[in-house]
Amino acid sequence: MLEALIFVVFPFCMLFAAISDMLSMTIANRVSVLLVVVFALVAPLTGMEWAAYGLHFAAGALVLTVTFGLFAMGGMGGGDAKLLAATAVWMGLNIQLVQYLVASTLIGGLLTIAILLYRKSPLAAFTGQNPFLRHFADEKTGVPYGIALGLGGLLTYPDSPLMVWALARLAS
């Protein structure tokens, strides 16, 4: 049962956030809340030491502090900030968090360049009414960075502490 929660909840939330941000330019608070609550309930049941458990929440608090500073300066959306912090709780204060941040940053940079090029292309005028592409085509909107955060999370999740634990349980 724990393994199923670990295999399903995080990937589902990452995909939901990416698709939601693409379609509506918002990431619902319930996604970040679900991530934190499920981690808080599941992690102790995996035998995670309390010190490590605390460091996972410290990672989330640290990332939330930095991202809300960026949000206050207008450099990041609130949903993105909360999703980053909730994802940091799952990754922990370790190399997996760094890998997640680097992967999301690289994907986000490529996504931003692709969207800017798309907005300048004639294709944007023809496809701008498509529900999946309308925010990509609109020069007045920002970049749906939840896509990069979701993909970065999915790419780095297999090395996260809970996923490593769940895979080891299945292997034994």
C-alpha atoms as a PDB file:
ATOM      1  CA  MET A   1       0.000   0.000   0.000  1.00  0.00           C
ATOM      2  CA  LEU A   2       2.779   2.454   0.885  1.00  0.00           C
ATOM      3  CA  GLU A   3       4.598   1.589  -2.301  1.00  0.00           C
ATOM      4  CA  ALA A   4       1.467   2.308  -4.320  1.00  0.00           C
ATOM      5  CA  LEU A   5       1.125   5.757  -2.734  1.00  0.00           C
ATOM      6  CA  ILE A   6       4.778   6.479  -3.444  1.00  0.00           C
ATOM      7  CA  PHE A   7       4.505   5.290  -7.057  1.00  0.00           C
ATOM      8  CA  VAL A   8       1.280   7.175  -7.805  1.00  0.00           C
ATOM      9  CA  VAL A   9       0.866  10.391  -5.800  1.00  0.00           C
ATOM     10  CA  PHE A  10       4.031  12.279  -6.709  1.00  0.00           C
ATOM     11  CA  PRO A  11       3.965  11.515 -10.465  1.00  0.00           C
ATOM     12  CA  PHE A  12       0.234  12.264 -10.640  1.00  0.00           C
ATOM     13  CA  CYS A  13       0.718  15.627  -8.925  1.00  0.00           C
ATOM     14  CA  MET A  14       3.601  16.542 -11.236  1.00  0.00           C
ATOM     15  CA  LEU A  15       1.579  15.693 -14.350  1.00  0.00           C
ATOM     16  CA  PHE A  16      -1.514  17.448 -13.029  1.00  0.00           C
ATOM     17  CA  ALA A  17       0.466  20.602 -12.214  1.00  0.00           C
ATOM     18  CA  ALA A  18       2.136  20.648 -15.641  1.00  0.00           C
ATOM     19  CA  ILE A  19      -1.122  20.171 -17.555  1.00  0.00           C
ATOM     20  CA  SER A  20      -3.033  22.577 -15.328  1.00  0.00           C
ATOM     21  CA  ASP A  21      -0.417  25.293 -15.775  1.00  0.00           C
ATOM     22  CA  MET A  22      -0.401  24.753 -19.528  1.00  0.00           C
ATOM     23  CA  LEU A  23      -4.184  25.052 -19.780  1.00  0.00           C
ATOM     24  CA  SER A  24      -4.972  27.700 -17.179  1.00  0.00           C
ATOM     25  CA  MET A  25      -1.678  29.300 -16.092  1.00  0.00           C
ATOM     26  CA  THR A  26      -2.478  28.221 -12.527  1.00  0.00           C
ATOM     27  CA  ILE A  27      -1.415  25.426 -10.222  1.00  0.00           C
ATOM     28  CA  ALA A  28      -4.065  24.671  -7.636  1.00  0.00           C
ATOM     29  CA  ASN A  29      -3.043  24.835  -3.979  1.00  0.00           C
ATOM     30  CA  ARG A  30      -4.477  21.354  -3.478  1.00  0.00           C
ATOM     31  CA  VAL A  31      -1.619  19.888  -5.525  1.00  0.00           C
ATOM     32  CA  SER A  32       1.044  21.249  -3.185  1.00  0.00           C
ATOM     33  CA  VAL A  33      -1.025  20.428  -0.098  1.00  0.00           C
ATOM     34  CA  LEU A  34      -1.559  16.848  -1.276  1.00  0.00           C
ATOM     35  CA  LEU A  35       2.173  16.407  -1.862  1.00  0.00           C
ATOM     36  CA  VAL A  36       3.101  17.660   1.611  1.00  0.00           C
ATOM     37  CA  VAL A  37       0.343  15.754   3.442  1.00  0.00           C
ATOM     38  CA  VAL A  38       1.070  12.441   1.716  1.00  0.00           C
ATOM     39  CA  PHE A  39       4.784  12.804   2.371  1.00  0.00           C
ATOM     40  CA  ALA A  40       4.130  13.678   6.018  1.00  0.00           C
ATOM     41  CA  LEU A  41       1.992  10.560   6.472  1.00  0.00           C
ATOM     42  CA  VAL A  42       3.973   8.081   4.390  1.00  0.00           C
ATOM     43  CA  ALA A  43       7.615   8.921   5.153  1.00  0.00           C
ATOM     44  CA  PRO A  44       7.575   7.847   8.837  1.00  0.00           C
ATOM     45  CA  LEU A  45       5.956   4.558   7.848  1.00  0.00           C
ATOM     46  CA  THR A  46       8.912   3.777   5.589  1.00  0.00           C
ATOM     47  CA  GLY A  47      11.276   3.822   8.550  1.00  0.00           C
ATOM     48  CA  MET A  48      12.752   7.193   7.676  1.00  0.00           C
ATOM     49  CA  GLU A  49      14.747   8.524  10.609  1.00  0.00           C
ATOM     50  CA  TRP A  50      13.286  11.571  12.335  1.00  0.00           C
ATOM     51  CA  ALA A  51      16.354  13.665  11.576  1.00  0.00           C
ATOM     52  CA  ALA A  52      16.033  12.908   7.865  1.00  0.00           C
ATOM     53  CA  TYR A  53      12.281  13.562   8.077  1.00  0.00           C
ATOM     54  CA  GLY A  54      12.990  16.974   9.563  1.00  0.00           C
ATOM     55  CA  LEU A  55      15.541  17.752   6.868  1.00  0.00           C
ATOM     56  CA  HIS A  56      12.935  17.044   4.196  1.00  0.00           C
ATOM     57  CA  PHE A  57      10.682  19.680   5.720  1.00  0.00           C
ATOM     58  CA  ALA A  58      13.664  22.012   6.133  1.00  0.00           C
ATOM     59  CA  ALA A  59      14.259  21.666   2.385  1.00  0.00           C
ATOM     60  CA  GLY A  60      10.665  22.661   1.732  1.00  0.00           C
ATOM     61  CA  ALA A  61      10.894  25.645   4.086  1.00  0.00           C
ATOM     62  CA  LEU A  62      14.155  26.816   2.533  1.00  0.00           C
ATOM     63  CA  VAL A  63      12.812  26.561  -1.004  1.00  0.00           C
ATOM     64  CA  LEU A  64       9.546  28.248   0.012  1.00  0.00           C
ATOM     65  CA  THR A  65      11.462  31.152   1.536  1.00  0.00           C
ATOM     66  CA  VAL A  66      13.537  31.688  -1.605  1.00  0.00           C
ATOM     67  CA  THR A  67      10.669  31.207  -4.063  1.00  0.00           C
ATOM     68  CA  PHE A  68       8.314  33.500  -2.184  1.00  0.00           C
ATOM     69  CA  GLY A  69      11.020  36.142  -2.326  1.00  0.00           C
ATOM     70  CA  LEU A  70      11.061  35.647  -6.086  1.00  0.00           C
ATOM     71  CA  PHE A  71       7.244  35.761  -6.127  1.00  0.00           C
ATOM     72  CA  ALA A  72       7.249  39.038  -4.180  1.00  0.00           C
ATOM     73  CA  MET A  73       9.629  40.537  -6.752  1.00  0.00           C
ATOM     74  CA  GLY A  74       7.425  39.350  -9.623  1.00  0.00           C
ATOM     75  CA  GLY A  75       9.919  36.787 -10.855  1.00  0.00           C
ATOM     76  CA  MET A  76       7.803  33.709 -10.198  1.00  0.00           C
ATOM     77  CA  GLY A  77       4.173  32.710  -9.877  1.00  0.00           C
ATOM     78  CA  GLY A  78       2.733  31.746  -6.504  1.00  0.00           C
ATOM     79  CA  GLY A  79       1.660  28.307  -7.670  1.00  0.00           C
ATOM     80  CA  ASP A  80       5.137  27.629  -9.004  1.00  0.00           C
ATOM     81  CA  ALA A  81       6.666  28.693  -5.675  1.00  0.00           C
ATOM     82  CA  LYS A  82       4.388  26.392  -3.682  1.00  0.00           C
ATOM     83  CA  LEU A  83       4.909  23.464  -6.057  1.00  0.00           C
ATOM     84  CA  LEU A  84       8.685  23.878  -5.877  1.00  0.00           C
ATOM     85  CA  ALA A  85       8.547  23.861  -2.074  1.00  0.00           C
ATOM     86  CA  ALA A  86       6.257  20.819  -1.916  1.00  0.00           C
ATOM     87  CA  THR A  87       8.499  18.962  -4.341  1.00  0.00           C
ATOM     88  CA  ALA A  88      11.524  19.900  -2.231  1.00  0.00           C
ATOM     89  CA  VAL A  89       9.871  18.154   0.726  1.00  0.00           C
ATOM     90  CA  TRP A  90       9.809  14.915  -1.296  1.00  0.00           C
ATOM     91  CA  MET A  91      13.404  15.331  -2.487  1.00  0.00           C
ATOM     92  CA  GLY A  92      14.921  16.315   0.854  1.00  0.00           C
ATOM     93  CA  LEU A  93      17.892  18.464   1.714  1.00  0.00           C
ATOM     94  CA  ASN A  94      20.377  16.490  -0.381  1.00  0.00           C
ATOM     95  CA  ILE A  95      21.715  16.014  -3.902  1.00  0.00           C
ATOM     96  CA  GLN A  96      18.285  14.959  -5.227  1.00  0.00           C
ATOM     97  CA  LEU A  97      17.004  18.464  -4.505  1.00  0.00           C
ATOM     98  CA  VAL A  98      19.914  19.967  -6.428  1.00  0.00           C
ATOM     99  CA  GLN A  99      19.271  17.587  -9.326  1.00  0.00           C
ATOM    100  CA  TYR A 100      15.594  18.559  -9.343  1.00  0.00           C
ATOM    101  CA  LEU A 101      16.359  22.282  -9.302  1.00  0.00           C
ATOM    102  CA  VAL A 102      18.966  21.972 -12.070  1.00  0.00           C
ATOM    103  CA  ALA A 103      16.728  19.774 -14.251  1.00  0.00           C
ATOM    104  CA  SER A 104      13.746  22.099 -13.798  1.00  0.00           C
ATOM    105  CA  THR A 105      15.883  25.151 -14.531  1.00  0.00           C
ATOM    106  CA  LEU A 106      17.305  23.652 -17.733  1.00  0.00           C
ATOM    107  CA  ILE A 107      13.893  22.477 -18.922  1.00  0.00           C
ATOM    108  CA  GLY A 108      12.395  25.846 -17.988  1.00  0.00           C
ATOM    109  CA  GLY A 109      15.054  27.699 -19.951  1.00  0.00           C
ATOM    110  CA  LEU A 110      14.469  25.561 -23.030  1.00  0.00           C
ATOM    111  CA  LEU A 111      10.706  25.943 -22.615  1.00  0.00           C
ATOM    112  CA  THR A 112      11.025  29.720 -22.355  1.00  0.00           C
ATOM    113  CA  ILE A 113      13.174  29.935 -25.475  1.00  0.00           C
ATOM    114  CA  ALA A 114      10.777  27.669 -27.389  1.00  0.00           C
ATOM    115  CA  ILE A 115       7.744  29.738 -26.325  1.00  0.00           C
ATOM    116  CA  LEU A 116       9.432  33.024 -27.252  1.00  0.00           C
ATOM    117  CA  LEU A 117      10.349  31.654 -30.678  1.00  0.00           C
ATOM    118  CA  TYR A 118       6.826  30.280 -31.135  1.00  0.00           C
ATOM    119  CA  ARG A 119       5.279  33.642 -30.212  1.00  0.00           C
ATOM    120  CA  LYS A 120       7.333  35.359 -32.912  1.00  0.00           C
ATOM    121  CA  SER A 121       6.458  32.772 -35.553  1.00  0.00           C
ATOM    122  CA  PRO A 122       3.500  32.906 -37.971  1.00  0.00           C
ATOM    123  CA  LEU A 123       2.376  29.591 -36.502  1.00  0.00           C
ATOM    124  CA  ALA A 124       1.264  31.364 -33.314  1.00  0.00           C
ATOM    125  CA  ALA A 125      -1.385  33.312 -35.239  1.00  0.00           C
ATOM    126  CA  PHE A 126      -2.906  30.108 -36.612  1.00  0.00           C
ATOM    127  CA  THR A 127      -2.757  27.995 -33.460  1.00  0.00           C
ATOM    128  CA  GLY A 128      -3.333  30.690 -30.839  1.00  0.00           C
ATOM    129  CA  GLN A 129      -6.960  29.647 -30.291  1.00  0.00           C
ATOM    130  CA  ASN A 130      -6.074  26.042 -29.480  1.00  0.00           C
ATOM    131  CA  PRO A 131      -6.779  25.404 -25.760  1.00  0.00           C
ATOM    132  CA  PHE A 132      -3.385  23.733 -25.321  1.00  0.00           C
ATOM    133  CA  LEU A 133      -1.431  26.464 -27.094  1.00  0.00           C
ATOM    134  CA  ARG A 134      -3.304  29.678 -26.332  1.00  0.00           C
ATOM    135  CA  HIS A 135      -1.057  30.678 -23.400  1.00  0.00           C
ATOM    136  CA  PHE A 136       2.024  29.850 -25.415  1.00  0.00           C
ATOM    137  CA  ALA A 137       0.869  32.193 -28.196  1.00  0.00           C
ATOM    138  CA  ASP A 138      -0.239  35.093 -25.980  1.00  0.00           C
ATOM    139  CA  GLU A 139       2.614  37.554 -25.563  1.00  0.00           C
ATOM    140  CA  LYS A 140       0.881  39.143 -22.561  1.00  0.00           C
ATOM    141  CA  THR A 141       1.067  35.991 -20.459  1.00  0.00           C
ATOM    142  CA  GLY A 142       4.102  34.565 -18.780  1.00  0.00           C
ATOM    143  CA  VAL A 143       5.620  31.155 -19.257  1.00  0.00           C
ATOM    144  CA  PRO A 144       3.728  28.217 -17.716  1.00  0.00           C
ATOM    145  CA  TYR A 145       6.738  27.152 -15.646  1.00  0.00           C
ATOM    146  CA  GLY A 146       4.730  24.382 -13.980  1.00  0.00           C
ATOM    147  CA  ILE A 147       5.486  22.346 -17.091  1.00  0.00           C
ATOM    148  CA  ALA A 148       9.218  22.536 -16.370  1.00  0.00           C
ATOM    149  CA  LEU A 149       8.694  21.856 -12.668  1.00  0.00           C
ATOM    150  CA  GLY A 150       6.542  18.824 -13.424  1.00  0.00           C
ATOM    151  CA  LEU A 151       8.957  17.385 -15.968  1.00  0.00           C
ATOM    152  CA  GLY A 152      11.944  18.088 -13.737  1.00  0.00           C
ATOM    153  CA  GLY A 153      10.178  16.324 -10.884  1.00  0.00           C
ATOM    154  CA  LEU A 154       9.341  13.298 -13.000  1.00  0.00           C
ATOM    155  CA  LEU A 155      12.916  13.023 -14.282  1.00  0.00           C
ATOM    156  CA  THR A 156      14.533  13.184 -10.859  1.00  0.00           C
ATOM    157  CA  TYR A 157      11.906  11.345  -8.802  1.00  0.00           C
ATOM    158  CA  PRO A 158      13.352   7.837  -9.327  1.00  0.00           C
ATOM    159  CA  ASP A 159      16.379   8.827  -7.208  1.00  0.00           C
ATOM    160  CA  SER A 160      14.340  10.422  -4.407  1.00  0.00           C
ATOM    161  CA  PRO A 161      14.513   8.780  -0.961  1.00  0.00           C
ATOM    162  CA  LEU A 162      10.935   7.449  -0.899  1.00  0.00           C
ATOM    163  CA  MET A 163      11.131   6.087  -4.418  1.00  0.00           C
ATOM    164  CA  VAL A 164      14.454   4.373  -3.657  1.00  0.00           C
ATOM    165  CA  TRP A 165      12.821   2.812  -0.586  1.00  0.00           C
ATOM    166  CA  ALA A 166       9.761   1.649  -2.567  1.00  0.00           C
ATOM    167  CA  LEU A 167      11.873   0.159  -5.359  1.00  0.00           C
ATOM    168  CA  ALA A 168      14.039  -1.683  -2.831  1.00  0.00           C
ATOM    169  CA  ARG A 169      10.910  -3.118  -1.198  1.00  0.00           C
ATOM    170  CA  LEU A 170       9.650  -4.392  -4.527  1.00  0.00           C
ATOM    171  CA  ALA A 171      13.033  -5.895  -5.371  1.00  0.00           C
ATOM    172  CA  SER A 172      13.207  -7.882  -2.134  1.00  0.00           C
END
